[in-house]
Amino acid sequence: MSIVGPRPIIAKELPRYGEACAMYLAMTPGCAGIWQCSGRNELQYEQRVEMDVDYYWKASLTFDLCLIARTFVAVLTRRGAC
């Protein structure tokens, strides 16, 4: 597990990624990521998949640092938490 990346999923969730499955499997799961700072449980699963694909294409040190900062704010404000 890394600091930034898509959240880990269980095996039975993998089919929900469809054609994006290969992209998800190519990434190392992380603690902080685009889904965590963009609404978490307020989003549909399909939106989570789209965000993971978006992260696949945009992954960089700069983007990771931005996501860490946004995740920190999301945690403090409890945005999207159950």
PDB file of N, CA and C in Angstrom:
ATOM      1  N   MET A   1       0.844  -1.168   0.000  1.00  0.00           N
ATOM      2  CA  MET A   1       0.000   0.000   0.000  1.00  0.00           C
ATOM      3  C   MET A   1       0.895   1.239   0.000  1.00  0.00           C
ATOM      4  N   SER A   2       0.466   2.238  -0.751  1.00  0.00           N
ATOM      5  CA  SER A   2       1.212   3.485  -0.809  1.00  0.00           C
ATOM      6  C   SER A   2       0.430   4.588  -0.083  1.00  0.00           C
ATOM      7  N   ILE A   3       0.974   5.763  -0.046  1.00  0.00           N
ATOM      8  CA  ILE A   3       0.278   6.884   0.601  1.00  0.00           C
ATOM      9  C   ILE A   3      -0.853   7.373  -0.291  1.00  0.00           C
ATOM     10  N   VAL A   4      -0.596   7.526  -1.580  1.00  0.00           N
ATOM     11  CA  VAL A   4      -1.617   8.009  -2.511  1.00  0.00           C
ATOM     12  C   VAL A   4      -1.894   6.956  -3.575  1.00  0.00           C
ATOM     13  N   GLY A   5      -3.164   6.777  -3.861  1.00  0.00           N
ATOM     14  CA  GLY A   5      -3.584   5.821  -4.881  1.00  0.00           C
ATOM     15  C   GLY A   5      -5.041   5.469  -4.659  1.00  0.00           C
ATOM     16  N   PRO A   6      -5.605   4.652  -5.511  1.00  0.00           N
ATOM     17  CA  PRO A   6      -7.001   4.269  -5.321  1.00  0.00           C
ATOM     18  C   PRO A   6      -7.157   3.417  -4.064  1.00  0.00           C
ATOM     19  N   ARG A   7      -8.304   3.507  -3.440  1.00  0.00           N
ATOM     20  CA  ARG A   7      -8.560   2.691  -2.253  1.00  0.00           C
ATOM     21  C   ARG A   7      -8.583   1.222  -2.647  1.00  0.00           C
ATOM     22  N   PRO A   8      -8.099   0.354  -1.751  1.00  0.00           N
ATOM     23  CA  PRO A   8      -8.152  -1.078  -2.053  1.00  0.00           C
ATOM     24  C   PRO A   8      -9.605  -1.548  -2.162  1.00  0.00           C
ATOM     25  N   ILE A   9      -9.827  -2.539  -2.986  1.00  0.00           N
ATOM     26  CA  ILE A   9     -11.163  -3.116  -3.127  1.00  0.00           C
ATOM     27  C   ILE A   9     -11.073  -4.617  -2.877  1.00  0.00           C
ATOM     28  N   ILE A  10     -12.221  -5.239  -2.626  1.00  0.00           N
ATOM     29  CA  ILE A  10     -12.249  -6.688  -2.472  1.00  0.00           C
ATOM     30  C   ILE A  10     -12.462  -7.316  -3.845  1.00  0.00           C
ATOM     31  N   ALA A  11     -12.136  -8.599  -3.958  1.00  0.00           N
ATOM     32  CA  ALA A  11     -12.159  -9.287  -5.256  1.00  0.00           C
ATOM     33  C   ALA A  11     -13.514  -9.206  -5.947  1.00  0.00           C
ATOM     34  N   LYS A  12     -14.610  -9.274  -5.201  1.00  0.00           N
ATOM     35  CA  LYS A  12     -15.908  -9.270  -5.873  1.00  0.00           C
ATOM     36  C   LYS A  12     -16.304  -7.887  -6.400  1.00  0.00           C
ATOM     37  N   GLU A  13     -15.549  -6.840  -6.048  1.00  0.00           N
ATOM     38  CA  GLU A  13     -15.793  -5.503  -6.608  1.00  0.00           C
ATOM     39  C   GLU A  13     -15.103  -5.314  -7.952  1.00  0.00           C
ATOM     40  N   LEU A  14     -14.107  -6.120  -8.236  1.00  0.00           N
ATOM     41  CA  LEU A  14     -13.301  -5.962  -9.458  1.00  0.00           C
ATOM     42  C   LEU A  14     -14.136  -5.939 -10.735  1.00  0.00           C
ATOM     43  N   PRO A  15     -15.164  -6.780 -10.890  1.00  0.00           N
ATOM     44  CA  PRO A  15     -15.969  -6.720 -12.117  1.00  0.00           C
ATOM     45  C   PRO A  15     -16.662  -5.368 -12.326  1.00  0.00           C
ATOM     46  N   ARG A  16     -16.875  -4.617 -11.271  1.00  0.00           N
ATOM     47  CA  ARG A  16     -17.521  -3.314 -11.400  1.00  0.00           C
ATOM     48  C   ARG A  16     -16.643  -2.318 -12.133  1.00  0.00           C
ATOM     49  N   TYR A  17     -15.348  -2.625 -12.262  1.00  0.00           N
ATOM     50  CA  TYR A  17     -14.416  -1.753 -12.966  1.00  0.00           C
ATOM     51  C   TYR A  17     -14.460  -1.975 -14.480  1.00  0.00           C
ATOM     52  N   GLY A  18     -15.068  -3.065 -14.922  1.00  0.00           N
ATOM     53  CA  GLY A  18     -15.223  -3.320 -16.351  1.00  0.00           C
ATOM     54  C   GLY A  18     -13.918  -3.209 -17.112  1.00  0.00           C
ATOM     55  N   GLU A  19     -13.940  -2.416 -18.178  1.00  0.00           N
ATOM     56  CA  GLU A  19     -12.756  -2.240 -19.021  1.00  0.00           C
ATOM     57  C   GLU A  19     -11.621  -1.526 -18.289  1.00  0.00           C
ATOM     58  N   ALA A  20     -11.933  -0.831 -17.204  1.00  0.00           N
ATOM     59  CA  ALA A  20     -10.920  -0.109 -16.432  1.00  0.00           C
ATOM     60  C   ALA A  20     -10.202  -1.015 -15.432  1.00  0.00           C
ATOM     61  N   CYS A  21     -10.556  -2.285 -15.413  1.00  0.00           N
ATOM     62  CA  CYS A  21      -9.969  -3.234 -14.470  1.00  0.00           C
ATOM     63  C   CYS A  21      -8.441  -3.272 -14.580  1.00  0.00           C
ATOM     64  N   ALA A  22      -7.938  -3.311 -15.779  1.00  0.00           N
ATOM     65  CA  ALA A  22      -6.482  -3.372 -15.982  1.00  0.00           C
ATOM     66  C   ALA A  22      -5.797  -2.128 -15.429  1.00  0.00           C
ATOM     67  N   MET A  23      -6.426  -0.967 -15.593  1.00  0.00           N
ATOM     68  CA  MET A  23      -5.847   0.273 -15.052  1.00  0.00           C
ATOM     69  C   MET A  23      -5.802   0.212 -13.534  1.00  0.00           C
ATOM     70  N   TYR A  24      -6.907  -0.243 -12.921  1.00  0.00           N
ATOM     71  CA  TYR A  24      -6.939  -0.331 -11.462  1.00  0.00           C
ATOM     72  C   TYR A  24      -5.846  -1.275 -10.966  1.00  0.00           C
ATOM     73  N   LEU A  25      -5.714  -2.430 -11.590  1.00  0.00           N
ATOM     74  CA  LEU A  25      -4.730  -3.416 -11.159  1.00  0.00           C
ATOM     75  C   LEU A  25      -3.296  -2.953 -11.378  1.00  0.00           C
ATOM     76  N   ALA A  26      -3.089  -2.000 -12.281  1.00  0.00           N
ATOM     77  CA  ALA A  26      -1.749  -1.475 -12.545  1.00  0.00           C
ATOM     78  C   ALA A  26      -1.293  -0.481 -11.485  1.00  0.00           C
ATOM     79  N   MET A  27      -2.225  -0.031 -10.644  1.00  0.00           N
ATOM     80  CA  MET A  27      -1.898   0.969  -9.619  1.00  0.00           C
ATOM     81  C   MET A  27      -1.755   0.318  -8.252  1.00  0.00           C
ATOM     82  N   THR A  28      -0.910   0.906  -7.415  1.00  0.00           N
ATOM     83  CA  THR A  28      -0.778   0.463  -6.037  1.00  0.00           C
ATOM     84  C   THR A  28      -1.836   1.162  -5.204  1.00  0.00           C
ATOM     85  N   PRO A  29      -2.641   0.415  -4.457  1.00  0.00           N
ATOM     86  CA  PRO A  29      -3.652   1.062  -3.611  1.00  0.00           C
ATOM     87  C   PRO A  29      -3.003   2.009  -2.606  1.00  0.00           C
ATOM     88  N   GLY A  30      -3.753   3.034  -2.206  1.00  0.00           N
ATOM     89  CA  GLY A  30      -3.222   4.014  -1.272  1.00  0.00           C
ATOM     90  C   GLY A  30      -4.210   4.419  -0.200  1.00  0.00           C
ATOM     91  N   CYS A  31      -3.706   5.130   0.780  1.00  0.00           N
ATOM     92  CA  CYS A  31      -4.532   5.629   1.894  1.00  0.00           C
ATOM     93  C   CYS A  31      -5.257   6.915   1.512  1.00  0.00           C
ATOM     94  N   ALA A  32      -4.619   7.742   0.725  1.00  0.00           N
ATOM     95  CA  ALA A  32      -5.210   9.009   0.291  1.00  0.00           C
ATOM     96  C   ALA A  32      -5.395   8.946  -1.218  1.00  0.00           C
ATOM     97  N   GLY A  33      -6.487   9.502  -1.687  1.00  0.00           N
ATOM     98  CA  GLY A  33      -6.722   9.480  -3.122  1.00  0.00           C
ATOM     99  C   GLY A  33      -7.860  10.388  -3.520  1.00  0.00           C
ATOM    100  N   ILE A  34      -8.145  10.409  -4.792  1.00  0.00           N
ATOM    101  CA  ILE A  34      -9.130  11.335  -5.337  1.00  0.00           C
ATOM    102  C   ILE A  34     -10.537  11.046  -4.802  1.00  0.00           C
ATOM    103  N   TRP A  35     -10.873   9.779  -4.600  1.00  0.00           N
ATOM    104  CA  TRP A  35     -12.202   9.419  -4.094  1.00  0.00           C
ATOM    105  C   TRP A  35     -12.389   9.912  -2.659  1.00  0.00           C
ATOM    106  N   GLN A  36     -11.355   9.779  -1.836  1.00  0.00           N
ATOM    107  CA  GLN A  36     -11.449  10.166  -0.434  1.00  0.00           C
ATOM    108  C   GLN A  36     -11.686  11.659  -0.243  1.00  0.00           C
ATOM    109  N   CYS A  37     -11.181  12.470  -1.146  1.00  0.00           N
ATOM    110  CA  CYS A  37     -11.313  13.913  -0.967  1.00  0.00           C
ATOM    111  C   CYS A  37     -12.370  14.514  -1.885  1.00  0.00           C
ATOM    112  N   SER A  38     -13.147  13.654  -2.533  1.00  0.00           N
ATOM    113  CA  SER A  38     -14.162  14.150  -3.466  1.00  0.00           C
ATOM    114  C   SER A  38     -15.580  13.737  -3.094  1.00  0.00           C
ATOM    115  N   GLY A  39     -15.789  13.349  -1.875  1.00  0.00           N
ATOM    116  CA  GLY A  39     -17.143  13.045  -1.446  1.00  0.00           C
ATOM    117  C   GLY A  39     -17.363  11.666  -0.872  1.00  0.00           C
ATOM    118  N   ARG A  40     -16.417  10.767  -1.057  1.00  0.00           N
ATOM    119  CA  ARG A  40     -16.485   9.393  -0.547  1.00  0.00           C
ATOM    120  C   ARG A  40     -17.868   8.786  -0.680  1.00  0.00           C
ATOM    121  N   ASN A  41     -18.570   8.590   0.414  1.00  0.00           N
ATOM    122  CA  ASN A  41     -19.845   7.872   0.411  1.00  0.00           C
ATOM    123  C   ASN A  41     -20.994   8.648  -0.215  1.00  0.00           C
ATOM    124  N   GLU A  42     -20.766   9.899  -0.580  1.00  0.00           N
ATOM    125  CA  GLU A  42     -21.798  10.682  -1.260  1.00  0.00           C
ATOM    126  C   GLU A  42     -21.827  10.375  -2.764  1.00  0.00           C
ATOM    127  N   LEU A  43     -20.861   9.607  -3.238  1.00  0.00           N
ATOM    128  CA  LEU A  43     -20.716   9.329  -4.670  1.00  0.00           C
ATOM    129  C   LEU A  43     -21.186   7.926  -5.018  1.00  0.00           C
ATOM    130  N   GLN A  44     -21.613   7.750  -6.246  1.00  0.00           N
ATOM    131  CA  GLN A  44     -21.975   6.437  -6.762  1.00  0.00           C
ATOM    132  C   GLN A  44     -20.684   5.660  -7.069  1.00  0.00           C
ATOM    133  N   TYR A  45     -20.780   4.349  -7.061  1.00  0.00           N
ATOM    134  CA  TYR A  45     -19.596   3.522  -7.317  1.00  0.00           C
ATOM    135  C   TYR A  45     -19.016   3.801  -8.694  1.00  0.00           C
ATOM    136  N   GLU A  46     -19.879   4.060  -9.665  1.00  0.00           N
ATOM    137  CA  GLU A  46     -19.399   4.352 -11.019  1.00  0.00           C
ATOM    138  C   GLU A  46     -18.529   5.597 -11.034  1.00  0.00           C
ATOM    139  N   GLN A  47     -18.862   6.569 -10.187  1.00  0.00           N
ATOM    140  CA  GLN A  47     -18.052   7.781 -10.093  1.00  0.00           C
ATOM    141  C   GLN A  47     -16.686   7.456  -9.488  1.00  0.00           C
ATOM    142  N   ARG A  48     -16.669   6.539  -8.539  1.00  0.00           N
ATOM    143  CA  ARG A  48     -15.398   6.120  -7.935  1.00  0.00           C
ATOM    144  C   ARG A  48     -14.502   5.503  -9.008  1.00  0.00           C
ATOM    145  N   VAL A  49     -15.079   4.653  -9.846  1.00  0.00           N
ATOM    146  CA  VAL A  49     -14.300   4.021 -10.922  1.00  0.00           C
ATOM    147  C   VAL A  49     -13.749   5.096 -11.853  1.00  0.00           C
ATOM    148  N   GLU A  50     -14.585   6.072 -12.236  1.00  0.00           N
ATOM    149  CA  GLU A  50     -14.133   7.160 -13.107  1.00  0.00           C
ATOM    150  C   GLU A  50     -12.983   7.930 -12.470  1.00  0.00           C
ATOM    151  N   MET A  51     -13.057   8.159 -11.177  1.00  0.00           N
ATOM    152  CA  MET A  51     -11.988   8.881 -10.478  1.00  0.00           C
ATOM    153  C   MET A  51     -10.697   8.080 -10.454  1.00  0.00           C
ATOM    154  N   ASP A  52     -10.805   6.766 -10.278  1.00  0.00           N
ATOM    155  CA  ASP A  52      -9.607   5.930 -10.295  1.00  0.00           C
ATOM    156  C   ASP A  52      -8.960   5.940 -11.684  1.00  0.00           C
ATOM    157  N   VAL A  53      -9.771   5.923 -12.724  1.00  0.00           N
ATOM    158  CA  VAL A  53      -9.242   6.003 -14.095  1.00  0.00           C
ATOM    159  C   VAL A  53      -8.579   7.375 -14.303  1.00  0.00           C
ATOM    160  N   ASP A  54      -9.230   8.427 -13.810  1.00  0.00           N
ATOM    161  CA  ASP A  54      -8.675   9.774 -13.910  1.00  0.00           C
ATOM    162  C   ASP A  54      -7.323   9.836 -13.208  1.00  0.00           C
ATOM    163  N   TYR A  55      -7.232   9.238 -12.026  1.00  0.00           N
ATOM    164  CA  TYR A  55      -5.964   9.223 -11.295  1.00  0.00           C
ATOM    165  C   TYR A  55      -4.895   8.470 -12.095  1.00  0.00           C
ATOM    166  N   TYR A  56      -5.274   7.376 -12.717  1.00  0.00           N
ATOM    167  CA  TYR A  56      -4.331   6.594 -13.526  1.00  0.00           C
ATOM    168  C   TYR A  56      -3.655   7.486 -14.564  1.00  0.00           C
ATOM    169  N   TRP A  57      -4.440   8.333 -15.233  1.00  0.00           N
ATOM    170  CA  TRP A  57      -3.897   9.186 -16.294  1.00  0.00           C
ATOM    171  C   TRP A  57      -3.169  10.412 -15.769  1.00  0.00           C
ATOM    172  N   LYS A  58      -3.532  10.916 -14.583  1.00  0.00           N
ATOM    173  CA  LYS A  58      -2.951  12.154 -14.062  1.00  0.00           C
ATOM    174  C   LYS A  58      -1.866  11.944 -13.016  1.00  0.00           C
ATOM    175  N   ALA A  59      -1.602  10.707 -12.605  1.00  0.00           N
ATOM    176  CA  ALA A  59      -0.667  10.441 -11.508  1.00  0.00           C
ATOM    177  C   ALA A  59       0.682  11.134 -11.724  1.00  0.00           C
ATOM    178  N   SER A  60       1.072  11.911 -10.716  1.00  0.00           N
ATOM    179  CA  SER A  60       2.361  12.588 -10.716  1.00  0.00           C
ATOM    180  C   SER A  60       2.632  13.030  -9.281  1.00  0.00           C
ATOM    181  N   LEU A  61       3.833  13.427  -8.995  1.00  0.00           N
ATOM    182  CA  LEU A  61       4.170  13.897  -7.660  1.00  0.00           C
ATOM    183  C   LEU A  61       3.331  15.118  -7.289  1.00  0.00           C
ATOM    184  N   THR A  62       3.170  16.044  -8.211  1.00  0.00           N
ATOM    185  CA  THR A  62       2.392  17.249  -7.957  1.00  0.00           C
ATOM    186  C   THR A  62       0.930  16.906  -7.657  1.00  0.00           C
ATOM    187  N   PHE A  63       0.348  16.029  -8.462  1.00  0.00           N
ATOM    188  CA  PHE A  63      -1.046  15.628  -8.255  1.00  0.00           C
ATOM    189  C   PHE A  63      -1.192  14.880  -6.928  1.00  0.00           C
ATOM    190  N   ASP A  64      -0.229  14.018  -6.604  1.00  0.00           N
ATOM    191  CA  ASP A  64      -0.266  13.298  -5.326  1.00  0.00           C
ATOM    192  C   ASP A  64      -0.216  14.256  -4.141  1.00  0.00           C
ATOM    193  N   LEU A  65       0.640  15.261  -4.203  1.00  0.00           N
ATOM    194  CA  LEU A  65       0.725  16.239  -3.106  1.00  0.00           C
ATOM    195  C   LEU A  65      -0.579  17.014  -2.962  1.00  0.00           C
ATOM    196  N   CYS A  66      -1.198  17.341  -4.075  1.00  0.00           N
ATOM    197  CA  CYS A  66      -2.491  18.021  -4.057  1.00  0.00           C
ATOM    198  C   CYS A  66      -3.546  17.129  -3.401  1.00  0.00           C
ATOM    199  N   LEU A  67      -3.557  15.853  -3.747  1.00  0.00           N
ATOM    200  CA  LEU A  67      -4.533  14.919  -3.174  1.00  0.00           C
ATOM    201  C   LEU A  67      -4.309  14.710  -1.680  1.00  0.00           C
ATOM    202  N   ILE A  68      -3.066  14.689  -1.248  1.00  0.00           N
ATOM    203  CA  ILE A  68      -2.778  14.571   0.186  1.00  0.00           C
ATOM    204  C   ILE A  68      -3.353  15.772   0.928  1.00  0.00           C
ATOM    205  N   ALA A  69      -3.133  16.960   0.395  1.00  0.00           N
ATOM    206  CA  ALA A  69      -3.666  18.173   1.032  1.00  0.00           C
ATOM    207  C   ALA A  69      -5.187  18.155   1.048  1.00  0.00           C
ATOM    208  N   ARG A  70      -5.809  17.791  -0.072  1.00  0.00           N
ATOM    209  CA  ARG A  70      -7.275  17.742  -0.149  1.00  0.00           C
ATOM    210  C   ARG A  70      -7.847  16.675   0.780  1.00  0.00           C
ATOM    211  N   THR A  71      -7.157  15.535   0.917  1.00  0.00           N
ATOM    212  CA  THR A  71      -7.611  14.475   1.809  1.00  0.00           C
ATOM    213  C   THR A  71      -7.538  14.942   3.256  1.00  0.00           C
ATOM    214  N   PHE A  72      -6.479  15.634   3.601  1.00  0.00           N
ATOM    215  CA  PHE A  72      -6.324  16.172   4.953  1.00  0.00           C
ATOM    216  C   PHE A  72      -7.504  17.093   5.294  1.00  0.00           C
ATOM    217  N   VAL A  73      -7.869  17.968   4.375  1.00  0.00           N
ATOM    218  CA  VAL A  73      -9.008  18.873   4.579  1.00  0.00           C
ATOM    219  C   VAL A  73     -10.309  18.087   4.694  1.00  0.00           C
ATOM    220  N   ALA A  74     -10.491  17.087   3.846  1.00  0.00           N
ATOM    221  CA  ALA A  74     -11.718  16.271   3.878  1.00  0.00           C
ATOM    222  C   ALA A  74     -11.863  15.543   5.215  1.00  0.00           C
ATOM    223  N   VAL A  75     -10.753  15.039   5.734  1.00  0.00           N
ATOM    224  CA  VAL A  75     -10.793  14.344   7.017  1.00  0.00           C
ATOM    225  C   VAL A  75     -11.137  15.313   8.147  1.00  0.00           C
ATOM    226  N   LEU A  76     -10.524  16.472   8.130  1.00  0.00           N
ATOM    227  CA  LEU A  76     -10.802  17.464   9.185  1.00  0.00           C
ATOM    228  C   LEU A  76     -12.232  17.961   9.169  1.00  0.00           C
ATOM    229  N   THR A  77     -12.787  18.126   7.981  1.00  0.00           N
ATOM    230  CA  THR A  77     -14.161  18.632   7.869  1.00  0.00           C
ATOM    231  C   THR A  77     -15.193  17.513   7.851  1.00  0.00           C
ATOM    232  N   ARG A  78     -14.719  16.257   7.850  1.00  0.00           N
ATOM    233  CA  ARG A  78     -15.574  15.073   7.811  1.00  0.00           C
ATOM    234  C   ARG A  78     -16.486  15.054   6.595  1.00  0.00           C
ATOM    235  N   ARG A  79     -16.064  15.685   5.529  1.00  0.00           N
ATOM    236  CA  ARG A  79     -16.844  15.733   4.290  1.00  0.00           C
ATOM    237  C   ARG A  79     -16.952  14.349   3.669  1.00  0.00           C
ATOM    238  N   GLY A  80     -18.173  13.916   3.422  1.00  0.00           N
ATOM    239  CA  GLY A  80     -18.414  12.643   2.773  1.00  0.00           C
ATOM    240  C   GLY A  80     -18.363  11.447   3.697  1.00  0.00           C
ATOM    241  N   ALA A  81     -18.124  11.680   4.978  1.00  0.00           N
ATOM    242  CA  ALA A  81     -18.057  10.573   5.927  1.00  0.00           C
ATOM    243  C   ALA A  81     -19.454  10.066   6.279  1.00  0.00           C
ATOM    244  N   CYS A  82     -19.522   8.805   6.673  1.00  0.00           N
ATOM    245  CA  CYS A  82     -20.811   8.225   7.068  1.00  0.00           C
ATOM    246  C   CYS A  82     -21.282   8.824   8.377  1.00  0.00           C
TER     247      CYS A  82
END
